Structure formats: structure tokens, C-alpha cells
Amino acid sequence: MSTRQFITTKQAKHQVNIFGFPLILYILLNLLLWNGTGIIYRFFPDSLLGIDPEILCMGAGCVLILLITFGCFSISAMRLHLPIRDYLQPTGMDTIHRIALVCIGLAITILTTYTGSFLNFLLHPAGSEFAFIGHFTTRANIIRNILYLLLYVLLKPVCDEYIFRGIIQRQLGHYSRFFGVLASSLLYAIAQPSLSDAIPAFFLGWYLALVTLRYHSIRPAVTIHVLVSVFLWIVAIIPPEYSLIPIIVITLNYIVTLLFIIGNTVNYRIAFMRFPEKKLWKTVFTSSTIIICILLFAAENILSFF
């Protein structure tokens, strides 16, 4: 028979700070990727070590995200006694179920991304742009596109799931299952470099957290996240003259998603669990490292208007 273990608020904050320190590094990396190219162009207008600034930032980003994820966060997992391998087990779900999960994840991402983009349009903050995406006319652009694919489409989704669903959600879930779902989603949103990115990140994170909780594995979430990122990347590189194709595919995806929902292929009643206690929110979001994370997010969004 299992017994419940009780910890003090101080002990809980200490546990939060264990994964909070590498979370600060992760947020700083996102901010560097978001602003790094502009900073290099501003202070080193000619060149920096003879390397293209965009190539330099994305190349360094690939290395740093792996070090932070599988170095710093893995150390945190060991200190928190979280056996990550337990969350890497196959789920045994059938193909139809996998397709349904991906379609729903894509529908959520597209809808909330448009919402975030509309908010971005209204507020007019300065943001990062990747004008090279989809342009393969020069050697430098080909390298940029390859690095973008590697970093943002493949590595980042995998690392995000390892960090936020594999470690943070699991640790916070020790206090309350649904608190782990919702709080990890909020932290995932805060870890984004802009408000327009935070909105879709929160809702996709919530969905992926529910999937992870349902299957006790991050493998389905990794699959969903990578495939959603691949789809968005394909849409981004499609030439303007073929812009009707993504519209048709997105429409079909919403139709298929609706059919899956009507057919009850995916049913997560856990989404309507009781709202977590205020004490849990206060404990986590008054932890020193999480306060720093919130301040970094706020500062980046405020400075984007200047």
C-alpha cells in the first residue's frame, strides 16, 4: 500500500528551484535566439568572425539547447529523483488514435497561433523575422534553412517535451495531477520570447500535458509536437503561388478533427478536474527562480515596444 508524503512549503519551493535554475537558462536561450541576430547586426554590422549572424545564432542554439536539456535538466531530474526513462515507454496505441491526436494538436496550434498573430498585429511589438525561410537560392540560405529545420522543427519540440512534460509536469504533478498539467503549461508559455508565441504555447502545452498524463509517457507528445512543427514549417516554405494548398489542408484537418471528436476517438475528461488549490499556485509562483522567469518574460515583452 502506498503512503502519501507531506512536505513543507519551503521544501516544495526548493524542489521547484531545482528545475527553475535550468529553466532560467532555457528562457535566456530563447531570448538570445529571438534577439541575437539583431544584436550582432547592430554591434557588428560587417561580420563576426566571418560567420553569418543567423547561421551563428542557430548553430549555437542547436548546441546550447541540447546542453541545457540533456545536461542541466537531466541533472535536475536526478536531484528530484525523477526516472525519465519511465516516461519514455511505448504506449501501444493504434494508428487511428495517433492520427487523431496529431490532428487535434494541429487544430489547436493553428487556431491559437492566429489568435496570437492578431494580438501581435494590434499591439505592433518588434519581433524576430526569418526572411530566408523557404528561399533556397543561395548556399547561405540553404544552410540557414537546414539549421532552422534542425533547431526549430526537430530539436526544440523534442527538448520542450523532455523539459516541460517529462520533468516539470511530472514534478509538479506530485502535488496535484491537474496542477502539474496547468502549471507546466503556464511555465511553457512564460518560457516563450513573446506574447504572440506564449498564447499558442499555453494551449498546445495544456493539450500535450493531458496526453502525457493519459499515457504516462512523453512519446505521444513528442510525436505530436514534431509533426505539428513539420507541418507549420512546410506551410512556411510553400511558395506564395501555392498558398491555396495550406488553406485546403488546414480546412480538411479541422473537418477530420471534428469527426474524431464527434466519434469520441479521443476523450479526456481529466480536462475538467477540480481547479488546484491557491496554496499550490502561491508556492510555485513565489519561488525565486520562477519569479525571475516571469520577470524575464515581462521585460522582453515590454522592451519589444521600444
Protein backbone atom coordinates (compact mmCIF):
# COMPACT_ATOMS: atom_id res chain seq x y z
CA MET A 1 0.00 0.00 0.00
CA SER A 2 1.38 3.41 -0.99
CA THR A 3 1.53 6.18 1.56
CA ARG A 4 1.18 9.90 0.93
CA GLN A 5 4.20 12.01 1.71
CA PHE A 6 3.78 15.54 3.01
CA ILE A 7 6.36 18.26 2.51
CA THR A 8 6.60 21.81 3.77
CA THR A 9 6.23 24.91 1.60
CA LYS A 10 9.95 25.52 1.96
CA GLN A 11 10.74 22.01 0.71
CA ALA A 12 8.34 22.42 -2.22
CA LYS A 13 9.97 25.72 -3.22
CA HIS A 14 13.37 24.07 -3.05
CA GLN A 15 12.16 21.36 -5.43
CA VAL A 16 10.75 24.00 -7.80
CA ASN A 17 14.04 25.90 -7.75
CA ILE A 18 15.92 22.74 -8.70
CA PHE A 19 14.28 22.75 -12.14
CA GLY A 20 13.86 26.55 -12.03
CA PHE A 21 17.56 27.27 -12.47
CA PRO A 22 17.91 25.44 -15.80
CA LEU A 23 14.53 26.93 -16.81
CA ILE A 24 16.10 30.37 -16.49
CA LEU A 25 18.90 29.24 -18.81
CA TYR A 26 16.33 27.89 -21.27
CA ILE A 27 14.44 31.20 -21.31
CA LEU A 28 17.68 33.14 -21.78
CA LEU A 29 18.48 30.88 -24.74
CA ASN A 30 15.08 31.60 -26.29
CA LEU A 31 15.66 35.33 -25.83
CA LEU A 32 19.11 35.01 -27.39
CA LEU A 33 17.69 33.20 -30.41
CA TRP A 34 14.93 35.81 -30.68
CA ASN A 35 17.21 38.86 -30.39
CA GLY A 36 20.69 37.52 -31.12
CA THR A 37 20.75 38.20 -34.85
CA GLY A 38 19.61 41.80 -34.37
CA ILE A 39 22.20 42.38 -31.66
CA ILE A 40 25.01 41.05 -33.85
CA TYR A 41 23.89 43.17 -36.82
CA ARG A 42 23.72 46.23 -34.55
CA PHE A 43 27.10 45.92 -32.85
CA PHE A 44 28.97 44.00 -35.57
CA PRO A 45 27.46 45.37 -38.82
CA ASP A 46 30.18 43.97 -41.05
CA SER A 47 30.81 40.46 -39.75
CA LEU A 48 31.52 38.45 -36.65
CA LEU A 49 34.41 36.03 -37.07
CA GLY A 50 33.45 35.92 -40.73
CA ILE A 51 30.30 33.91 -39.93
CA ASP A 52 26.79 34.91 -40.98
CA PRO A 53 24.94 36.10 -37.81
CA GLU A 54 21.83 33.99 -38.47
CA ILE A 55 23.90 30.87 -39.07
CA LEU A 56 25.96 31.62 -35.96
CA CYS A 57 22.89 32.09 -33.73
CA MET A 58 21.05 28.98 -34.94
CA GLY A 59 24.19 26.83 -34.92
CA ALA A 60 24.98 27.88 -31.36
CA GLY A 61 21.32 27.40 -30.47
CA CYS A 62 21.41 23.76 -31.59
CA VAL A 63 24.37 23.06 -29.30
CA LEU A 64 23.10 25.05 -26.32
CA ILE A 65 19.57 23.63 -26.33
CA LEU A 66 20.99 20.10 -26.20
CA LEU A 67 23.36 21.02 -23.37
CA ILE A 68 20.63 22.70 -21.33
CA THR A 69 18.08 19.94 -21.95
CA PHE A 70 20.12 16.78 -21.58
CA GLY A 71 22.73 18.31 -19.30
CA CYS A 72 21.22 20.81 -16.86
CA PHE A 73 17.68 19.43 -16.82
CA SER A 74 18.86 15.84 -16.59
CA ILE A 75 20.87 16.80 -13.50
CA SER A 76 17.71 18.40 -12.08
CA ALA A 77 15.76 15.22 -12.79
CA MET A 78 18.34 13.17 -10.89
CA ARG A 79 18.24 15.55 -7.94
CA LEU A 80 14.44 15.34 -7.91
CA HIS A 81 14.60 11.53 -8.23
CA LEU A 82 12.63 11.52 -11.47
CA PRO A 83 13.49 8.44 -13.57
CA ILE A 84 12.99 9.93 -17.04
CA ARG A 85 13.24 6.52 -18.71
CA ASP A 86 9.90 5.62 -17.16
CA TYR A 87 8.35 8.40 -19.26
CA LEU A 88 9.89 7.14 -22.49
CA GLN A 89 7.98 3.88 -22.68
CA PRO A 90 5.88 2.99 -25.79
CA THR A 91 2.13 3.39 -25.35
CA GLY A 92 0.84 0.72 -27.72
CA MET A 93 -1.90 2.98 -29.14
CA ASP A 94 -3.31 2.20 -32.59
CA THR A 95 -2.65 4.23 -35.75
CA ILE A 96 -6.10 5.88 -35.85
CA HIS A 97 -5.64 7.14 -32.32
CA ARG A 98 -2.22 8.55 -33.20
CA ILE A 99 -3.65 10.37 -36.22
CA ALA A 100 -6.48 11.77 -34.09
CA LEU A 101 -4.04 13.12 -31.50
CA VAL A 102 -1.90 14.81 -34.16
CA CYS A 103 -4.92 16.34 -35.93
CA ILE A 104 -6.28 17.78 -32.69
CA GLY A 105 -2.86 19.16 -31.74
CA LEU A 106 -2.52 20.78 -35.17
CA ALA A 107 -6.03 22.29 -34.96
CA ILE A 108 -5.27 23.78 -31.53
CA THR A 109 -1.94 25.21 -32.69
CA ILE A 110 -3.29 26.81 -35.86
CA LEU A 111 -6.30 28.37 -34.12
CA THR A 112 -4.28 29.80 -31.21
CA THR A 113 -1.43 30.91 -33.49
CA TYR A 114 -3.86 33.02 -35.50
CA THR A 115 -5.12 34.49 -32.23
CA GLY A 116 -1.58 35.32 -31.15
CA SER A 117 -0.79 36.80 -34.57
CA PHE A 118 -3.89 39.00 -34.40
CA LEU A 119 -2.83 40.26 -30.97
CA ASN A 120 0.62 40.91 -32.37
CA PHE A 121 -0.96 42.91 -35.20
CA LEU A 122 -2.91 45.05 -32.75
CA LEU A 123 -0.01 45.75 -30.39
CA HIS A 124 2.75 46.11 -33.03
CA PRO A 125 5.70 44.84 -30.94
CA ALA A 126 9.09 44.31 -32.55
CA GLY A 127 9.77 40.66 -33.28
CA SER A 128 12.18 38.25 -34.88
CA GLU A 129 11.72 37.53 -38.58
CA PHE A 130 13.31 34.79 -40.67
CA ALA A 131 13.16 36.13 -44.21
CA PHE A 132 15.27 33.26 -45.50
CA ILE A 133 12.68 30.55 -44.78
CA GLY A 134 11.71 28.83 -48.00
CA HIS A 135 14.36 30.59 -50.09
CA PHE A 136 16.96 28.10 -51.31
CA THR A 137 18.56 30.27 -53.99
CA THR A 138 21.97 30.72 -52.34
CA ARG A 139 24.33 28.48 -50.40
CA ALA A 140 23.95 30.63 -47.29
CA ASN A 141 20.15 30.43 -47.44
CA ILE A 142 20.28 26.65 -47.86
CA ILE A 143 22.44 26.41 -44.72
CA ARG A 144 20.07 28.77 -42.86
CA ASN A 145 17.04 26.69 -43.82
CA ILE A 146 18.74 23.46 -42.77
CA LEU A 147 19.69 24.93 -39.38
CA TYR A 148 16.19 26.33 -38.92
CA LEU A 149 14.71 22.90 -39.67
CA LEU A 150 17.12 21.22 -37.26
CA LEU A 151 16.65 23.71 -34.42
CA TYR A 152 13.02 24.83 -34.52
CA VAL A 153 11.31 21.90 -36.22
CA LEU A 154 13.18 18.90 -34.80
CA LEU A 155 15.34 19.66 -31.77
CA LYS A 156 13.20 22.23 -29.99
CA PRO A 157 9.95 20.19 -29.94
CA VAL A 158 11.82 17.15 -28.58
CA CYS A 159 13.62 19.22 -25.95
CA ASP A 160 10.41 21.06 -25.00
CA GLU A 161 8.63 17.79 -24.26
CA TYR A 162 11.58 16.42 -22.31
CA ILE A 163 11.71 19.60 -20.20
CA PHE A 164 8.10 20.64 -19.70
CA ARG A 165 6.19 17.36 -19.86
CA GLY A 166 8.92 14.92 -18.85
CA ILE A 167 10.37 16.85 -15.90
CA ILE A 168 8.37 19.94 -14.90
CA GLN A 169 4.88 18.48 -15.31
CA ARG A 170 5.90 15.27 -13.62
CA GLN A 171 7.43 17.06 -10.63
CA LEU A 172 4.51 19.46 -10.19
CA GLY A 173 2.12 16.54 -10.66
CA HIS A 174 3.38 15.15 -7.38
CA TYR A 175 1.49 17.97 -5.66
CA SER A 176 -1.67 17.56 -7.77
CA ARG A 177 -2.14 15.88 -11.14
CA PHE A 178 -4.10 18.69 -12.74
CA PHE A 179 -1.87 21.31 -11.14
CA GLY A 180 1.01 19.63 -12.95
CA VAL A 181 -0.90 19.91 -16.22
CA LEU A 182 -1.90 23.55 -15.87
CA ALA A 183 1.19 24.94 -14.13
CA SER A 184 3.60 23.29 -16.57
CA SER A 185 1.56 24.79 -19.43
CA LEU A 186 1.84 28.25 -17.88
CA LEU A 187 5.57 27.86 -17.42
CA TYR A 188 5.86 26.71 -21.03
CA ALA A 189 4.05 29.88 -22.11
CA ILE A 190 6.29 32.07 -19.94
CA ALA A 191 9.35 30.44 -21.48
CA GLN A 192 8.43 31.85 -24.91
CA PRO A 193 10.14 35.02 -26.16
CA SER A 194 6.92 36.89 -27.00
CA LEU A 195 3.27 37.14 -26.03
CA SER A 196 2.17 36.06 -29.51
CA ASP A 197 4.18 32.85 -29.07
CA ALA A 198 3.03 32.36 -25.47
CA ILE A 199 -0.67 32.05 -26.39
CA PRO A 200 -0.38 29.01 -28.70
CA ALA A 201 2.34 27.56 -26.45
CA PHE A 202 0.00 27.59 -23.45
CA PHE A 203 -2.89 25.83 -25.20
CA LEU A 204 -0.70 23.34 -27.05
CA GLY A 205 1.20 22.72 -23.81
CA TRP A 206 -2.07 22.09 -21.97
CA TYR A 207 -3.14 19.57 -24.60
CA LEU A 208 0.24 17.81 -24.66
CA ALA A 209 0.27 17.70 -20.86
CA LEU A 210 -3.11 15.95 -20.87
CA VAL A 211 -1.85 13.47 -23.45
CA THR A 212 1.25 12.83 -21.34
CA LEU A 213 -0.82 12.35 -18.20
CA ARG A 214 -3.17 9.97 -20.01
CA TYR A 215 -0.40 7.71 -21.34
CA HIS A 216 2.27 8.25 -18.65
CA SER A 217 4.79 8.77 -21.43
CA ILE A 218 6.14 11.76 -23.34
CA ARG A 219 6.48 9.79 -26.56
CA PRO A 220 2.99 10.68 -27.88
CA ALA A 221 3.58 14.35 -27.01
CA VAL A 222 6.95 14.32 -28.79
CA THR A 223 5.34 12.81 -31.91
CA ILE A 224 2.52 15.35 -31.91
CA HIS A 225 4.82 18.32 -31.31
CA VAL A 226 7.32 17.33 -34.01
CA LEU A 227 4.64 16.63 -36.63
CA VAL A 228 2.86 19.91 -35.87
CA SER A 229 6.18 21.75 -36.23
CA VAL A 230 6.92 19.94 -39.50
CA PHE A 231 3.50 20.92 -40.89
CA LEU A 232 3.96 24.59 -39.93
CA TRP A 233 7.44 24.54 -41.49
CA ILE A 234 6.09 23.10 -44.74
CA VAL A 235 3.41 25.81 -44.82
CA ALA A 236 6.11 28.45 -44.26
CA ILE A 237 8.27 27.31 -47.20
CA ILE A 238 5.44 26.84 -49.72
CA PRO A 239 5.76 29.50 -52.46
CA PRO A 240 3.05 32.21 -52.47
CA GLU A 241 1.58 30.96 -55.75
CA TYR A 242 0.62 27.72 -53.99
CA SER A 243 -0.87 29.39 -50.90
CA LEU A 244 -4.24 27.74 -51.57
CA ILE A 245 -2.81 24.31 -50.71
CA PRO A 246 -2.25 25.04 -46.98
CA ILE A 247 -5.75 26.52 -46.73
CA ILE A 248 -7.28 23.35 -48.17
CA VAL A 249 -5.16 21.09 -45.95
CA ILE A 250 -5.97 23.11 -42.81
CA THR A 251 -9.68 23.02 -43.63
CA LEU A 252 -9.55 19.26 -44.12
CA ASN A 253 -7.70 18.91 -40.83
CA TYR A 254 -10.47 20.74 -38.99
CA ILE A 255 -13.10 18.55 -40.63
CA VAL A 256 -11.21 15.37 -39.69
CA THR A 257 -10.63 16.69 -36.16
CA LEU A 258 -14.34 17.39 -35.75
CA LEU A 259 -15.16 13.86 -36.91
CA PHE A 260 -12.69 12.41 -34.41
CA ILE A 261 -14.25 14.46 -31.60
CA ILE A 262 -17.81 13.55 -32.61
CA GLY A 263 -16.78 9.91 -32.87
CA ASN A 264 -15.32 10.12 -29.36
CA THR A 265 -11.98 8.80 -30.64
CA VAL A 266 -10.25 10.95 -28.03
CA ASN A 267 -11.96 11.72 -24.75
CA TYR A 268 -10.03 13.32 -21.89
CA ARG A 269 -12.44 14.02 -19.09
CA ILE A 270 -9.45 14.81 -16.91
CA ALA A 271 -9.51 18.26 -18.51
CA PHE A 272 -12.43 19.14 -16.26
CA MET A 273 -10.82 18.20 -12.96
CA ARG A 274 -11.18 20.48 -9.94
CA PHE A 275 -9.10 23.65 -10.09
CA PRO A 276 -5.93 23.31 -7.97
CA GLU A 277 -5.68 24.96 -4.57
CA LYS A 278 -4.40 28.53 -4.30
CA LYS A 279 -1.61 27.40 -1.99
CA LEU A 280 -0.02 25.38 -4.79
CA TRP A 281 -0.02 28.37 -7.13
CA LYS A 282 1.43 30.60 -4.44
CA THR A 283 4.15 28.09 -3.60
CA VAL A 284 5.35 27.66 -7.18
CA PHE A 285 4.95 31.19 -8.49
CA THR A 286 6.61 32.81 -5.48
CA SER A 287 9.66 30.57 -5.79
CA SER A 288 12.71 32.71 -6.53
CA THR A 289 13.63 31.11 -9.87
CA ILE A 290 10.07 31.25 -11.20
CA ILE A 291 9.84 34.94 -10.26
CA ILE A 292 12.98 35.51 -12.33
CA CYS A 293 11.41 33.62 -15.24
CA ILE A 294 8.29 35.79 -15.07
CA LEU A 295 10.37 38.98 -14.91
CA LEU A 296 12.40 37.90 -17.96
CA PHE A 297 9.19 37.25 -19.91
CA ALA A 298 7.69 40.58 -18.84
CA ALA A 299 10.87 42.53 -19.59
CA GLU A 300 11.19 41.05 -23.08
CA ASN A 301 7.60 41.91 -23.97
CA ILE A 302 7.84 45.43 -22.56
CA LEU A 303 11.12 46.15 -24.33
CA SER A 304 9.66 44.88 -27.63
CA PHE A 305 7.58 48.07 -27.81
CA PHE A 306 10.65 50.34 -27.77
